[in-house]
Amino acid sequence: MINVLIAPQASEVTINVRFSETASEDELRDAWQDVSNGTLQHHIRDAIWFECVRRGIQPRDIIPDEA
């Protein structure tokens, strides 16, 4: 599992990735595949979309329609 925290930042964008000591080679490979094929991007997009809805923000004001 990859956890992402979106929080206010004063400096450039960074990502904090932590690994379980029990993550296998196959699990690391699968995680990379999720990043490289866009799966992670879609999950993050959906999470932001649902957070906008929860807060009463119009999601399309934040996330443009996909082309």
N, C-alpha and C. Protein backbone atom coordinates (compact mmCIF):
# COMPACT_ATOMS: atom_id res chain seq x y z
N MET A 1 0.84 -1.17 0.00
CA MET A 1 0.00 0.00 0.00
C MET A 1 0.89 1.23 0.00
N ILE A 2 0.49 2.22 -0.74
CA ILE A 2 1.18 3.50 -0.79
C ILE A 2 0.26 4.52 -0.13
N ASN A 3 0.75 5.24 0.86
CA ASN A 3 -0.02 6.28 1.53
C ASN A 3 0.48 7.64 1.08
N VAL A 4 -0.45 8.53 0.79
CA VAL A 4 -0.11 9.88 0.35
C VAL A 4 -0.82 10.85 1.27
N LEU A 5 -0.09 11.84 1.78
CA LEU A 5 -0.66 12.89 2.61
C LEU A 5 -0.58 14.19 1.84
N ILE A 6 -1.73 14.84 1.67
CA ILE A 6 -1.76 16.15 1.01
C ILE A 6 -1.96 17.17 2.11
N ALA A 7 -0.97 18.07 2.26
CA ALA A 7 -1.00 19.05 3.34
C ALA A 7 -0.38 20.35 2.83
N PRO A 8 -0.72 21.48 3.48
CA PRO A 8 -0.11 22.75 3.08
C PRO A 8 1.41 22.67 3.20
N GLN A 9 2.09 23.30 2.25
CA GLN A 9 3.54 23.29 2.22
C GLN A 9 4.06 24.67 1.88
N ALA A 10 5.13 25.06 2.53
CA ALA A 10 5.73 26.37 2.26
C ALA A 10 6.81 26.29 1.19
N SER A 11 7.29 25.10 0.89
CA SER A 11 8.38 24.95 -0.07
C SER A 11 7.92 24.11 -1.26
N GLU A 12 8.88 23.65 -2.05
CA GLU A 12 8.55 22.87 -3.24
C GLU A 12 7.84 21.56 -2.90
N VAL A 13 7.18 21.00 -3.87
CA VAL A 13 6.42 19.77 -3.68
C VAL A 13 7.37 18.61 -3.43
N THR A 14 7.05 17.81 -2.44
CA THR A 14 7.81 16.61 -2.13
C THR A 14 6.84 15.48 -1.84
N ILE A 15 7.34 14.28 -1.79
CA ILE A 15 6.53 13.13 -1.41
C ILE A 15 7.32 12.33 -0.39
N ASN A 16 6.62 11.88 0.61
CA ASN A 16 7.23 11.08 1.66
C ASN A 16 6.74 9.65 1.48
N VAL A 17 7.63 8.76 1.16
CA VAL A 17 7.28 7.36 0.93
C VAL A 17 7.94 6.51 2.01
N ARG A 18 7.15 5.69 2.66
CA ARG A 18 7.68 4.77 3.67
C ARG A 18 7.41 3.35 3.21
N PHE A 19 8.34 2.47 3.52
CA PHE A 19 8.23 1.08 3.11
C PHE A 19 8.10 0.18 4.33
N SER A 20 7.22 -0.78 4.23
CA SER A 20 7.13 -1.80 5.27
C SER A 20 8.35 -2.70 5.13
N GLU A 21 8.91 -3.08 6.25
CA GLU A 21 10.05 -3.99 6.22
C GLU A 21 9.66 -5.35 5.63
N THR A 22 8.38 -5.65 5.62
CA THR A 22 7.92 -6.95 5.11
C THR A 22 7.53 -6.90 3.62
N ALA A 23 7.66 -5.72 2.98
CA ALA A 23 7.31 -5.62 1.56
C ALA A 23 8.27 -6.48 0.73
N SER A 24 7.68 -7.33 -0.08
CA SER A 24 8.49 -8.25 -0.89
C SER A 24 8.94 -7.57 -2.18
N GLU A 25 9.83 -8.23 -2.87
CA GLU A 25 10.28 -7.75 -4.18
C GLU A 25 9.09 -7.62 -5.14
N ASP A 26 8.21 -8.60 -5.14
CA ASP A 26 7.03 -8.55 -6.01
C ASP A 26 6.11 -7.37 -5.64
N GLU A 27 5.96 -7.11 -4.35
CA GLU A 27 5.11 -5.99 -3.92
C GLU A 27 5.72 -4.65 -4.32
N LEU A 28 7.03 -4.53 -4.23
CA LEU A 28 7.69 -3.31 -4.68
C LEU A 28 7.53 -3.15 -6.19
N ARG A 29 7.66 -4.24 -6.92
CA ARG A 29 7.47 -4.21 -8.38
C ARG A 29 6.04 -3.79 -8.72
N ASP A 30 5.06 -4.36 -8.01
CA ASP A 30 3.66 -4.00 -8.24
C ASP A 30 3.41 -2.53 -7.94
N ALA A 31 4.02 -2.02 -6.86
CA ALA A 31 3.86 -0.61 -6.51
C ALA A 31 4.41 0.27 -7.63
N TRP A 32 5.56 -0.11 -8.17
CA TRP A 32 6.14 0.67 -9.26
C TRP A 32 5.23 0.62 -10.49
N GLN A 33 4.66 -0.51 -10.77
CA GLN A 33 3.74 -0.62 -11.91
C GLN A 33 2.54 0.30 -11.72
N ASP A 34 2.02 0.37 -10.49
CA ASP A 34 0.89 1.26 -10.21
C ASP A 34 1.26 2.71 -10.43
N VAL A 35 2.51 3.07 -10.16
CA VAL A 35 2.97 4.44 -10.40
C VAL A 35 3.15 4.66 -11.90
N SER A 36 3.83 3.77 -12.56
CA SER A 36 4.20 4.00 -13.96
C SER A 36 3.04 3.87 -14.94
N ASN A 37 2.01 3.11 -14.59
CA ASN A 37 0.90 2.96 -15.54
C ASN A 37 -0.26 3.91 -15.26
N GLY A 38 -0.11 4.79 -14.28
CA GLY A 38 -1.13 5.80 -14.02
C GLY A 38 -2.17 5.41 -12.98
N THR A 39 -2.12 4.18 -12.48
CA THR A 39 -3.10 3.74 -11.49
C THR A 39 -3.07 4.63 -10.26
N LEU A 40 -1.88 4.92 -9.76
CA LEU A 40 -1.76 5.77 -8.58
C LEU A 40 -2.32 7.16 -8.85
N GLN A 41 -2.03 7.70 -10.01
CA GLN A 41 -2.55 9.03 -10.37
C GLN A 41 -4.08 9.02 -10.34
N HIS A 42 -4.70 7.99 -10.87
CA HIS A 42 -6.16 7.91 -10.88
C HIS A 42 -6.71 7.79 -9.46
N HIS A 43 -6.05 7.03 -8.61
CA HIS A 43 -6.49 6.91 -7.22
C HIS A 43 -6.42 8.25 -6.50
N ILE A 44 -5.33 8.99 -6.73
CA ILE A 44 -5.18 10.29 -6.09
C ILE A 44 -6.22 11.26 -6.64
N ARG A 45 -6.45 11.24 -7.94
CA ARG A 45 -7.48 12.09 -8.55
C ARG A 45 -8.83 11.81 -7.93
N ASP A 46 -9.19 10.53 -7.79
CA ASP A 46 -10.47 10.17 -7.19
C ASP A 46 -10.56 10.63 -5.74
N ALA A 47 -9.47 10.47 -5.00
CA ALA A 47 -9.47 10.90 -3.59
C ALA A 47 -9.68 12.41 -3.48
N ILE A 48 -9.02 13.18 -4.34
CA ILE A 48 -9.19 14.63 -4.33
C ILE A 48 -10.62 14.99 -4.73
N TRP A 49 -11.15 14.30 -5.72
CA TRP A 49 -12.53 14.53 -6.18
C TRP A 49 -13.51 14.32 -5.01
N PHE A 50 -13.38 13.19 -4.31
CA PHE A 50 -14.29 12.89 -3.20
C PHE A 50 -14.12 13.87 -2.05
N GLU A 51 -12.89 14.33 -1.82
CA GLU A 51 -12.66 15.33 -0.76
C GLU A 51 -13.33 16.65 -1.13
N CYS A 52 -13.25 17.02 -2.40
CA CYS A 52 -13.94 18.24 -2.84
C CYS A 52 -15.44 18.12 -2.58
N VAL A 53 -16.04 17.01 -2.97
CA VAL A 53 -17.47 16.78 -2.76
C VAL A 53 -17.80 16.86 -1.27
N ARG A 54 -16.98 16.21 -0.45
CA ARG A 54 -17.21 16.21 1.00
C ARG A 54 -17.20 17.63 1.56
N ARG A 55 -16.35 18.48 1.01
CA ARG A 55 -16.22 19.86 1.49
C ARG A 55 -17.18 20.82 0.81
N GLY A 56 -17.97 20.34 -0.14
CA GLY A 56 -18.90 21.22 -0.85
C GLY A 56 -18.24 22.05 -1.92
N ILE A 57 -17.08 21.62 -2.40
CA ILE A 57 -16.35 22.30 -3.47
C ILE A 57 -16.68 21.60 -4.78
N GLN A 58 -16.87 22.36 -5.83
CA GLN A 58 -17.13 21.78 -7.15
C GLN A 58 -15.83 21.13 -7.63
N PRO A 59 -15.80 19.80 -7.77
CA PRO A 59 -14.55 19.12 -8.17
C PRO A 59 -13.96 19.62 -9.48
N ARG A 60 -14.80 20.00 -10.44
CA ARG A 60 -14.28 20.44 -11.75
C ARG A 60 -13.57 21.79 -11.65
N ASP A 61 -13.79 22.52 -10.54
CA ASP A 61 -13.03 23.75 -10.32
C ASP A 61 -11.60 23.43 -9.92
N ILE A 62 -11.37 22.23 -9.42
CA ILE A 62 -10.05 21.80 -8.96
C ILE A 62 -9.40 20.88 -9.99
N ILE A 63 -10.17 19.91 -10.48
CA ILE A 63 -9.67 18.88 -11.41
C ILE A 63 -10.36 19.07 -12.76
N PRO A 64 -9.62 19.47 -13.77
CA PRO A 64 -10.25 19.62 -15.09
C PRO A 64 -10.67 18.27 -15.67
N ASP A 65 -11.62 18.32 -16.59
CA ASP A 65 -12.04 17.08 -17.27
C ASP A 65 -10.85 16.46 -17.97
N GLU A 66 -10.81 15.13 -17.95
CA GLU A 66 -9.74 14.42 -18.65
C GLU A 66 -10.00 14.48 -20.14
N ALA A 67 -8.94 14.63 -20.89
CA ALA A 67 -9.07 14.71 -22.36
C ALA A 67 -9.20 13.34 -22.96
